[in-house]
PDB file of N, CA and C in Angstrom:
ATOM      1  N   MET A   1       0.847  -1.182   0.000  1.00  0.00           N
ATOM      2  CA  MET A   1       0.000   0.000   0.000  1.00  0.00           C
ATOM      3  C   MET A   1       0.886   1.237   0.000  1.00  0.00           C
ATOM      4  N   VAL A   2       0.623   2.142  -0.886  1.00  0.00           N
ATOM      5  CA  VAL A   2       1.434   3.336  -1.040  1.00  0.00           C
ATOM      6  C   VAL A   2       0.686   4.521  -0.440  1.00  0.00           C
ATOM      7  N   VAL A   3       1.405   5.323   0.330  1.00  0.00           N
ATOM      8  CA  VAL A   3       0.799   6.518   0.907  1.00  0.00           C
ATOM      9  C   VAL A   3       0.819   7.612  -0.153  1.00  0.00           C
ATOM     10  N   ARG A   4      -0.319   8.149  -0.460  1.00  0.00           N
ATOM     11  CA  ARG A   4      -0.396   9.136  -1.537  1.00  0.00           C
ATOM     12  C   ARG A   4      -0.464  10.558  -1.022  1.00  0.00           C
ATOM     13  N   MET A   5      -0.875  10.720   0.214  1.00  0.00           N
ATOM     14  CA  MET A   5      -0.992  12.069   0.776  1.00  0.00           C
ATOM     15  C   MET A   5       0.231  12.348   1.653  1.00  0.00           C
ATOM     16  N   ARG A   6       0.718  13.567   1.601  1.00  0.00           N
ATOM     17  CA  ARG A   6       1.874  13.946   2.408  1.00  0.00           C
ATOM     18  C   ARG A   6       1.429  14.182   3.841  1.00  0.00           C
ATOM     19  N   HIS A   7       2.195  13.640   4.794  1.00  0.00           N
ATOM     20  CA  HIS A   7       1.894  13.856   6.202  1.00  0.00           C
ATOM     21  C   HIS A   7       2.626  15.098   6.683  1.00  0.00           C
ATOM     22  N   THR A   8       2.000  15.823   7.571  1.00  0.00           N
ATOM     23  CA  THR A   8       2.641  17.003   8.147  1.00  0.00           C
ATOM     24  C   THR A   8       3.734  16.568   9.113  1.00  0.00           C
ATOM     25  N   ARG A   9       4.595  17.509   9.488  1.00  0.00           N
ATOM     26  CA  ARG A   9       5.663  17.197  10.431  1.00  0.00           C
ATOM     27  C   ARG A   9       5.091  16.772  11.780  1.00  0.00           C
ATOM     28  N   ALA A  10       4.008  17.392  12.183  1.00  0.00           N
ATOM     29  CA  ALA A  10       3.395  17.056  13.469  1.00  0.00           C
ATOM     30  C   ALA A  10       2.853  15.627  13.453  1.00  0.00           C
ATOM     31  N   HIS A  11       2.233  15.239  12.353  1.00  0.00           N
ATOM     32  CA  HIS A  11       1.694  13.886  12.241  1.00  0.00           C
ATOM     33  C   HIS A  11       2.831  12.856  12.306  1.00  0.00           C
ATOM     34  N   THR A  12       3.915  13.155  11.591  1.00  0.00           N
ATOM     35  CA  THR A  12       5.074  12.256  11.596  1.00  0.00           C
ATOM     36  C   THR A  12       5.693  12.185  12.980  1.00  0.00           C
ATOM     37  N   ALA A  13       5.822  13.314  13.660  1.00  0.00           N
ATOM     38  CA  ALA A  13       6.412  13.345  15.004  1.00  0.00           C
ATOM     39  C   ALA A  13       5.551  12.583  15.999  1.00  0.00           C
ATOM     40  N   ASN A  14       4.229  12.684  15.873  1.00  0.00           N
ATOM     41  CA  ASN A  14       3.340  11.939  16.763  1.00  0.00           C
ATOM     42  C   ASN A  14       3.507  10.436  16.559  1.00  0.00           C
ATOM     43  N   ARG A  15       3.684  10.015  15.327  1.00  0.00           N
ATOM     44  CA  ARG A  15       3.871   8.602  15.058  1.00  0.00           C
ATOM     45  C   ARG A  15       5.199   8.107  15.611  1.00  0.00           C
ATOM     46  N   ARG A  16       6.224   8.947  15.536  1.00  0.00           N
ATOM     47  CA  ARG A  16       7.567   8.551  15.967  1.00  0.00           C
ATOM     48  C   ARG A  16       7.827   8.834  17.444  1.00  0.00           C
ATOM     49  N   SER A  17       6.833   9.260  18.178  1.00  0.00           N
ATOM     50  CA  SER A  17       7.059   9.641  19.574  1.00  0.00           C
ATOM     51  C   SER A  17       7.459   8.461  20.448  1.00  0.00           C
ATOM     52  N   HIS A  18       7.199   7.240  20.000  1.00  0.00           N
ATOM     53  CA  HIS A  18       7.531   6.056  20.791  1.00  0.00           C
ATOM     54  C   HIS A  18       8.822   5.394  20.314  1.00  0.00           C
ATOM     55  N   HIS A  19       9.552   6.016  19.406  1.00  0.00           N
ATOM     56  CA  HIS A  19      10.741   5.407  18.836  1.00  0.00           C
ATOM     57  C   HIS A  19      12.010   5.714  19.626  1.00  0.00           C
ATOM     58  N   ALA A  20      11.929   6.484  20.697  1.00  0.00           N
ATOM     59  CA  ALA A  20      13.112   6.863  21.456  1.00  0.00           C
ATOM     60  C   ALA A  20      13.740   5.643  22.111  1.00  0.00           C
ATOM     61  N   LEU A  21      15.069   5.629  22.169  1.00  0.00           N
ATOM     62  CA  LEU A  21      15.787   4.516  22.779  1.00  0.00           C
ATOM     63  C   LEU A  21      15.939   4.746  24.275  1.00  0.00           C
ATOM     64  N   ASP A  22      15.822   3.680  25.038  1.00  0.00           N
ATOM     65  CA  ASP A  22      16.042   3.755  26.475  1.00  0.00           C
ATOM     66  C   ASP A  22      17.524   3.572  26.761  1.00  0.00           C
ATOM     67  N   GLY A  23      17.936   3.986  27.939  1.00  0.00           N
ATOM     68  CA  GLY A  23      19.317   3.779  28.349  1.00  0.00           C
ATOM     69  C   GLY A  23      19.572   2.314  28.651  1.00  0.00           C
ATOM     70  N   ALA A  24      20.834   1.957  28.724  1.00  0.00           N
ATOM     71  CA  ALA A  24      21.208   0.565  28.998  1.00  0.00           C
ATOM     72  C   ALA A  24      20.837   0.212  30.429  1.00  0.00           C
ATOM     73  N   ARG A  25      20.328  -0.987  30.627  1.00  0.00           N
ATOM     74  CA  ARG A  25      19.985  -1.472  31.964  1.00  0.00           C
ATOM     75  C   ARG A  25      21.255  -1.989  32.627  1.00  0.00           C
ATOM     76  N   LEU A  26      21.557  -1.473  33.798  1.00  0.00           N
ATOM     77  CA  LEU A  26      22.764  -1.864  34.502  1.00  0.00           C
ATOM     78  C   LEU A  26      22.414  -2.612  35.781  1.00  0.00           C
ATOM     79  N   SER A  27      23.273  -3.533  36.159  1.00  0.00           N
ATOM     80  CA  SER A  27      23.112  -4.289  37.389  1.00  0.00           C
ATOM     81  C   SER A  27      24.377  -4.156  38.214  1.00  0.00           C
ATOM     82  N   LYS A  28      24.247  -4.379  39.520  1.00  0.00           N
ATOM     83  CA  LYS A  28      25.416  -4.364  40.390  1.00  0.00           C
ATOM     84  C   LYS A  28      26.014  -5.753  40.455  1.00  0.00           C
ATOM     85  N   CYS A  29      27.339  -5.798  40.417  1.00  0.00           N
ATOM     86  CA  CYS A  29      28.048  -7.064  40.535  1.00  0.00           C
ATOM     87  C   CYS A  29      27.903  -7.573  41.963  1.00  0.00           C
ATOM     88  N   VAL A  30      27.717  -8.865  42.115  1.00  0.00           N
ATOM     89  CA  VAL A  30      27.548  -9.475  43.436  1.00  0.00           C
ATOM     90  C   VAL A  30      28.849  -9.398  44.228  1.00  0.00           C
ATOM     91  N   LYS A  31      29.965  -9.548  43.534  1.00  0.00           N
ATOM     92  CA  LYS A  31      31.256  -9.609  44.207  1.00  0.00           C
ATOM     93  C   LYS A  31      31.829  -8.222  44.506  1.00  0.00           C
ATOM     94  N   CYS A  32      31.937  -7.369  43.479  1.00  0.00           N
ATOM     95  CA  CYS A  32      32.615  -6.084  43.673  1.00  0.00           C
ATOM     96  C   CYS A  32      31.665  -4.892  43.656  1.00  0.00           C
ATOM     97  N   GLU A  33      30.399  -5.108  43.402  1.00  0.00           N
ATOM     98  CA  GLU A  33      29.356  -4.089  43.378  1.00  0.00           C
ATOM     99  C   GLU A  33      29.585  -3.008  42.325  1.00  0.00           C
ATOM    100  N   ALA A  34      30.329  -3.337  41.275  1.00  0.00           N
ATOM    101  CA  ALA A  34      30.493  -2.415  40.160  1.00  0.00           C
ATOM    102  C   ALA A  34      29.302  -2.578  39.217  1.00  0.00           C
ATOM    103  N   LEU A  35      28.987  -1.530  38.470  1.00  0.00           N
ATOM    104  CA  LEU A  35      27.882  -1.605  37.521  1.00  0.00           C
ATOM    105  C   LEU A  35      28.350  -2.284  36.238  1.00  0.00           C
ATOM    106  N   HIS A  36      27.500  -3.165  35.703  1.00  0.00           N
ATOM    107  CA  HIS A  36      27.799  -3.854  34.452  1.00  0.00           C
ATOM    108  C   HIS A  36      26.504  -4.111  33.707  1.00  0.00           C
ATOM    109  N   LEU A  37      26.617  -4.387  32.415  1.00  0.00           N
ATOM    110  CA  LEU A  37      25.448  -4.722  31.613  1.00  0.00           C
ATOM    111  C   LEU A  37      24.872  -6.054  32.063  1.00  0.00           C
ATOM    112  N   ARG A  38      23.562  -6.188  31.959  1.00  0.00           N
ATOM    113  CA  ARG A  38      22.916  -7.432  32.361  1.00  0.00           C
ATOM    114  C   ARG A  38      23.299  -8.568  31.425  1.00  0.00           C
ATOM    115  N   HIS A  39      23.433  -9.765  31.969  1.00  0.00           N
ATOM    116  CA  HIS A  39      23.763 -10.980  31.232  1.00  0.00           C
ATOM    117  C   HIS A  39      25.145 -10.897  30.587  1.00  0.00           C
ATOM    118  N   VAL A  40      26.029 -10.076  31.163  1.00  0.00           N
ATOM    119  CA  VAL A  40      27.377  -9.908  30.645  1.00  0.00           C
ATOM    120  C   VAL A  40      28.343 -10.013  31.815  1.00  0.00           C
ATOM    121  N   VAL A  41      29.524 -10.570  31.565  1.00  0.00           N
ATOM    122  CA  VAL A  41      30.546 -10.713  32.597  1.00  0.00           C
ATOM    123  C   VAL A  41      30.951  -9.335  33.103  1.00  0.00           C
ATOM    124  N   CYS A  42      31.165  -9.221  34.403  1.00  0.00           N
ATOM    125  CA  CYS A  42      31.604  -7.966  35.017  1.00  0.00           C
ATOM    126  C   CYS A  42      33.014  -7.652  34.530  1.00  0.00           C
ATOM    127  N   THR A  43      33.205  -6.452  34.006  1.00  0.00           N
ATOM    128  CA  THR A  43      34.519  -6.083  33.488  1.00  0.00           C
ATOM    129  C   THR A  43      35.490  -5.713  34.595  1.00  0.00           C
ATOM    130  N   ALA A  44      35.004  -5.434  35.782  1.00  0.00           N
ATOM    131  CA  ALA A  44      35.885  -5.042  36.885  1.00  0.00           C
ATOM    132  C   ALA A  44      36.553  -6.251  37.540  1.00  0.00           C
ATOM    133  N   CYS A  45      35.801  -7.347  37.733  1.00  0.00           N
ATOM    134  CA  CYS A  45      36.366  -8.495  38.454  1.00  0.00           C
ATOM    135  C   CYS A  45      36.309  -9.800  37.664  1.00  0.00           C
ATOM    136  N   GLY A  46      35.606  -9.857  36.545  1.00  0.00           N
ATOM    137  CA  GLY A  46      35.581 -11.056  35.708  1.00  0.00           C
ATOM    138  C   GLY A  46      34.655 -12.144  36.200  1.00  0.00           C
ATOM    139  N   THR A  47      33.625 -11.792  36.975  1.00  0.00           N
ATOM    140  CA  THR A  47      32.687 -12.798  37.464  1.00  0.00           C
ATOM    141  C   THR A  47      31.336 -12.634  36.775  1.00  0.00           C
ATOM    142  N   TYR A  48      30.576 -13.734  36.769  1.00  0.00           N
ATOM    143  CA  TYR A  48      29.216 -13.721  36.246  1.00  0.00           C
ATOM    144  C   TYR A  48      28.349 -14.498  37.214  1.00  0.00           C
ATOM    145  N   ARG A  49      27.359 -13.849  37.768  1.00  0.00           N
ATOM    146  CA  ARG A  49      26.449 -14.428  38.748  1.00  0.00           C
ATOM    147  C   ARG A  49      27.206 -15.042  39.929  1.00  0.00           C
ATOM    148  N   GLY A  50      28.251 -14.354  40.372  1.00  0.00           N
ATOM    149  CA  GLY A  50      28.997 -14.771  41.550  1.00  0.00           C
ATOM    150  C   GLY A  50      30.082 -15.798  41.305  1.00  0.00           C
ATOM    151  N   LYS A  51      30.248 -16.254  40.069  1.00  0.00           N
ATOM    152  CA  LYS A  51      31.254 -17.269  39.755  1.00  0.00           C
ATOM    153  C   LYS A  51      32.345 -16.656  38.874  1.00  0.00           C
ATOM    154  N   ALA A  52      33.602 -17.002  39.157  1.00  0.00           N
ATOM    155  CA  ALA A  52      34.719 -16.508  38.356  1.00  0.00           C
ATOM    156  C   ALA A  52      34.671 -17.145  36.977  1.00  0.00           C
ATOM    157  N   VAL A  53      34.643 -16.323  35.952  1.00  0.00           N
ATOM    158  CA  VAL A  53      34.523 -16.816  34.583  1.00  0.00           C
ATOM    159  C   VAL A  53      35.766 -16.454  33.773  1.00  0.00           C
ATOM    160  N   VAL A  54      36.262 -15.232  33.940  1.00  0.00           N
ATOM    161  CA  VAL A  54      37.373 -14.737  33.159  1.00  0.00           C
ATOM    162  C   VAL A  54      38.506 -14.357  34.091  1.00  0.00           C
ATOM    163  N   SER A  55      39.720 -14.770  33.739  1.00  0.00           N
ATOM    164  CA  SER A  55      40.891 -14.355  34.492  1.00  0.00           C
ATOM    165  C   SER A  55      41.369 -13.032  33.917  1.00  0.00           C
ATOM    166  N   LEU A  56      41.171 -11.950  34.663  1.00  0.00           N
ATOM    167  CA  LEU A  56      41.529 -10.631  34.151  1.00  0.00           C
ATOM    168  C   LEU A  56      43.033 -10.435  34.104  1.00  0.00           C
ATOM    169  N   ALA A  57      43.785 -11.155  34.929  1.00  0.00           N
ATOM    170  CA  ALA A  57      45.241 -11.031  34.908  1.00  0.00           C
ATOM    171  C   ALA A  57      45.792 -11.481  33.556  1.00  0.00           C
ATOM    172  N   LYS A  58      45.270 -12.581  33.029  1.00  0.00           N
ATOM    173  CA  LYS A  58      45.696 -13.064  31.719  1.00  0.00           C
ATOM    174  C   LYS A  58      45.310 -12.071  30.632  1.00  0.00           C
ATOM    175  N   ALA A  59      44.110 -11.552  30.726  1.00  0.00           N
ATOM    176  CA  ALA A  59      43.632 -10.611  29.719  1.00  0.00           C
ATOM    177  C   ALA A  59      44.469  -9.335  29.726  1.00  0.00           C
ATOM    178  N   ARG A  60      44.842  -8.854  30.906  1.00  0.00           N
ATOM    179  CA  ARG A  60      45.652  -7.637  30.990  1.00  0.00           C
ATOM    180  C   ARG A  60      47.036  -7.858  30.403  1.00  0.00           C
ATOM    181  N   THR A  61      47.672  -8.979  30.728  1.00  0.00           N
ATOM    182  CA  THR A  61      49.000  -9.235  30.179  1.00  0.00           C
ATOM    183  C   THR A  61      48.939  -9.410  28.670  1.00  0.00           C
ATOM    184  N   LYS A  62      47.870 -10.013  28.186  1.00  0.00           N
ATOM    185  CA  LYS A  62      47.718 -10.212  26.747  1.00  0.00           C
ATOM    186  C   LYS A  62      47.596  -8.867  26.031  1.00  0.00           C
ATOM    187  N   THR A  63      46.798  -7.959  26.586  1.00  0.00           N
ATOM    188  CA  THR A  63      46.636  -6.654  25.956  1.00  0.00           C
ATOM    189  C   THR A  63      47.911  -5.839  26.066  1.00  0.00           C
ATOM    190  N   GLU A  64      48.637  -5.962  27.185  1.00  0.00           N
ATOM    191  CA  GLU A  64      49.881  -5.226  27.338  1.00  0.00           C
ATOM    192  C   GLU A  64      50.922  -5.682  26.309  1.00  0.00           C
ATOM    193  N   THR A  65      51.029  -6.992  26.099  1.00  0.00           N
ATOM    194  CA  THR A  65      51.982  -7.475  25.107  1.00  0.00           C
ATOM    195  C   THR A  65      51.574  -7.068  23.702  1.00  0.00           C
ATOM    196  N   ARG A  66      50.291  -7.040  23.423  1.00  0.00           N
ATOM    197  CA  ARG A  66      49.809  -6.617  22.124  1.00  0.00           C
ATOM    198  C   ARG A  66      50.127  -5.145  21.877  1.00  0.00           C
ATOM    199  N   LYS A  67      49.937  -4.308  22.901  1.00  0.00           N
ATOM    200  CA  LYS A  67      50.249  -2.886  22.783  1.00  0.00           C
ATOM    201  C   LYS A  67      51.747  -2.676  22.633  1.00  0.00           C
ATOM    202  N   ALA A  68      52.560  -3.454  23.346  1.00  0.00           N
ATOM    203  CA  ALA A  68      54.009  -3.315  23.246  1.00  0.00           C
ATOM    204  C   ALA A  68      54.486  -3.660  21.840  1.00  0.00           C
ATOM    205  N   LYS A  69      53.903  -4.677  21.217  1.00  0.00           N
ATOM    206  CA  LYS A  69      54.272  -5.032  19.846  1.00  0.00           C
ATOM    207  C   LYS A  69      53.854  -3.948  18.871  1.00  0.00           C
ATOM    208  N   ALA A  70      52.716  -3.319  19.120  1.00  0.00           N
ATOM    209  CA  ALA A  70      52.228  -2.272  18.225  1.00  0.00           C
ATOM    210  C   ALA A  70      53.121  -1.036  18.295  1.00  0.00           C
ATOM    211  N   VAL A  71      53.677  -0.747  19.476  1.00  0.00           N
ATOM    212  CA  VAL A  71      54.524   0.432  19.638  1.00  0.00           C
ATOM    213  C   VAL A  71      55.848   0.240  18.913  1.00  0.00           C
ATOM    214  N   LYS A  72      56.385  -0.976  18.926  1.00  0.00           N
ATOM    215  CA  LYS A  72      57.686  -1.251  18.274  1.00  0.00           C
ATOM    216  C   LYS A  72      57.551  -1.181  16.818  1.00  0.00           C
TER     217      LYS A  72
END
């Protein structure tokens, strides 16, 4: 179906009034109480739902070596 009549700016704005995006939902980490995205590993301590999932020490050394190679 093709719209043949031009809509006014007000009509278009009224239709789009519900298209605004909400902010990201954040949760507190159980272990360190830092804010993180829901259903995502905490970036501060590497835990998910109270269990250690990611070793941040390994990740930090990996990024440091990668940056050192990039600088050379």
